[in-house]
Amino acid sequence: MNQLIIDQVIDTVMCKCGCLPVGHHSTSDDSTAYRPKEEAEHWTKYDSPINKLRMYMESKGLWDDSKNAAWIAEAKKNVMSTFGAAEKRPKPDWSEMFKDVYQKMPKHLIEQMTEMQKHVEAHKDKYPVKEYGL
């Protein structure tokens, strides 16, 4: 019922959110080196746009713990299903890590890719390239 009312009343919705990364950018990154851990914890608990939206929706009776639990379960199921399907596809060719970054590859990456090509060719027995996509 609420969704029907929302669809009839609201034609366009714009959501402006300010976001702070609360985790590391990569496995080699330690975000606590440039941001206190407490700052990220505070942001996650009080200033996260996701939490703010949830609190707003709860205050309007549009969201509750049971809906949240159902949504999390459905999201996990979708992620695992998609992950399983992706694992069955051929792996991308190793050269994609060079080709899929820049529209025009910089000279230093062209040189690195050439070195990698020579290395893979020289050690074919160590790289199962036939298992990868073209």
Protein backbone atom coordinates (compact mmCIF):
# COMPACT_ATOMS: atom_id res chain seq x y z
CA MET A 1 0.00 0.00 0.00
CA ASN A 2 2.75 2.47 0.96
CA GLN A 3 4.64 1.75 -2.28
CA LEU A 4 1.50 2.44 -4.32
CA ILE A 5 1.07 5.81 -2.60
CA ILE A 6 4.73 6.67 -3.13
CA ASP A 7 4.52 5.74 -6.83
CA GLN A 8 1.43 7.92 -7.29
CA VAL A 9 2.73 10.96 -5.40
CA ILE A 10 6.43 11.03 -6.24
CA ASP A 11 7.48 11.19 -9.87
CA THR A 12 11.20 11.82 -9.36
CA VAL A 13 13.36 11.42 -6.29
CA MET A 14 16.81 12.86 -5.85
CA CYS A 15 18.93 11.63 -2.99
CA LYS A 16 22.05 13.58 -2.12
CA CYS A 17 24.43 11.70 0.13
CA GLY A 18 27.80 12.58 1.55
CA CYS A 19 29.91 9.46 1.92
CA LEU A 20 33.09 8.66 3.79
CA PRO A 21 34.87 5.40 3.00
CA VAL A 22 34.83 3.51 6.28
CA GLY A 23 37.14 0.71 5.27
CA HIS A 24 40.43 0.10 3.59
CA HIS A 25 40.68 0.83 -0.13
CA SER A 26 42.45 -2.46 -0.79
CA THR A 27 44.08 -5.35 1.02
CA SER A 28 47.36 -3.42 1.06
CA ASP A 29 45.79 -0.27 2.52
CA ASP A 30 45.54 0.61 6.20
CA SER A 31 43.04 3.46 6.42
CA THR A 32 43.89 4.03 10.10
CA ALA A 33 47.18 5.52 8.90
CA TYR A 34 45.31 8.59 7.62
CA ARG A 35 42.01 8.49 9.54
CA PRO A 36 41.41 7.64 13.21
CA LYS A 37 39.47 4.39 13.66
CA GLU A 38 37.00 6.26 15.89
CA GLU A 39 36.10 8.63 13.04
CA ALA A 40 35.09 5.73 10.79
CA GLU A 41 33.15 4.10 13.63
CA HIS A 42 31.28 7.35 14.36
CA TRP A 43 30.47 7.82 10.66
CA THR A 44 29.20 4.26 10.35
CA LYS A 45 26.97 4.57 13.41
CA TYR A 46 25.65 8.14 13.13
CA ASP A 47 26.37 9.78 9.79
CA SER A 48 26.10 6.98 7.26
CA PRO A 49 23.55 7.86 4.54
CA ILE A 50 22.33 4.26 4.67
CA ASN A 51 21.65 4.46 8.41
CA LYS A 52 20.03 7.86 8.04
CA LEU A 53 17.72 6.56 5.32
CA ARG A 54 16.86 3.52 7.43
CA MET A 55 16.05 5.68 10.47
CA TYR A 56 13.90 7.96 8.31
CA MET A 57 12.03 5.01 6.78
CA GLU A 58 11.52 3.47 10.23
CA SER A 59 10.13 6.78 11.53
CA LYS A 60 7.59 6.72 8.69
CA GLY A 61 6.65 3.08 9.30
CA LEU A 62 8.14 1.99 5.97
CA TRP A 63 10.93 -0.22 7.40
CA ASP A 64 11.52 -2.42 10.42
CA ASP A 65 13.87 -5.13 11.68
CA SER A 66 11.94 -7.97 10.03
CA LYS A 67 11.98 -6.23 6.62
CA ASN A 68 15.68 -5.54 7.07
CA ALA A 69 16.44 -9.18 7.94
CA ALA A 70 14.44 -10.37 4.91
CA TRP A 71 16.24 -7.89 2.66
CA ILE A 72 19.66 -8.98 3.94
CA ALA A 73 18.79 -12.65 3.39
CA GLU A 74 17.58 -11.93 -0.16
CA ALA A 75 20.66 -9.81 -0.93
CA LYS A 76 23.01 -12.57 0.31
CA LYS A 77 21.15 -15.13 -1.79
CA ASN A 78 21.42 -12.90 -4.89
CA VAL A 79 25.11 -12.23 -4.32
CA MET A 80 25.94 -15.92 -3.86
CA SER A 81 23.88 -16.90 -6.91
CA THR A 82 25.61 -14.27 -9.05
CA PHE A 83 29.00 -15.24 -7.65
CA GLY A 84 28.36 -18.91 -8.50
CA ALA A 85 27.36 -18.02 -12.06
CA ALA A 86 30.45 -15.84 -12.47
CA GLU A 87 32.75 -18.62 -11.28
CA LYS A 88 31.47 -20.85 -14.11
CA ARG A 89 32.43 -18.35 -16.80
CA PRO A 90 35.88 -18.41 -18.41
CA LYS A 91 38.43 -16.30 -16.60
CA PRO A 92 39.39 -13.12 -18.46
CA ASP A 93 42.61 -13.09 -20.42
CA TRP A 94 45.51 -11.87 -18.28
CA SER A 95 46.05 -8.90 -20.60
CA GLU A 96 42.72 -7.40 -19.51
CA MET A 97 44.40 -6.11 -16.35
CA PHE A 98 46.31 -3.79 -18.67
CA LYS A 99 43.73 -3.15 -21.40
CA ASP A 100 40.71 -2.46 -19.22
CA VAL A 101 42.11 0.50 -17.30
CA TYR A 102 42.78 3.32 -19.75
CA GLN A 103 41.14 4.21 -23.06
CA LYS A 104 44.65 4.92 -24.38
CA MET A 105 47.22 2.81 -22.58
CA PRO A 106 50.22 4.80 -21.26
CA LYS A 107 53.67 3.89 -22.52
CA HIS A 108 54.82 2.40 -19.20
CA LEU A 109 51.86 -0.02 -19.19
CA ILE A 110 52.50 -1.00 -22.81
CA GLU A 111 56.06 -1.84 -21.78
CA GLN A 112 54.87 -3.84 -18.75
CA MET A 113 52.33 -5.72 -20.86
CA THR A 114 55.01 -6.56 -23.43
CA GLU A 115 57.27 -7.88 -20.66
CA MET A 116 54.42 -9.96 -19.28
CA GLN A 117 53.62 -11.37 -22.74
CA LYS A 118 57.25 -12.44 -23.17
CA HIS A 119 57.26 -13.97 -19.69
CA VAL A 120 54.03 -15.93 -20.27
CA GLU A 121 55.31 -17.18 -23.63
CA ALA A 122 58.65 -18.22 -22.11
CA HIS A 123 56.94 -20.13 -19.27
CA LYS A 124 53.83 -21.59 -20.92
CA ASP A 125 54.06 -24.68 -18.75
CA LYS A 126 53.51 -22.53 -15.63
CA TYR A 127 50.47 -20.60 -16.89
CA PRO A 128 47.21 -22.40 -17.77
CA VAL A 129 46.28 -19.75 -20.37
CA LYS A 130 43.99 -22.16 -22.21
CA GLU A 131 41.57 -21.94 -19.25
CA TYR A 132 41.16 -18.22 -19.82
CA GLY A 133 38.88 -16.32 -22.21
CA LEU A 134 40.16 -14.65 -25.31
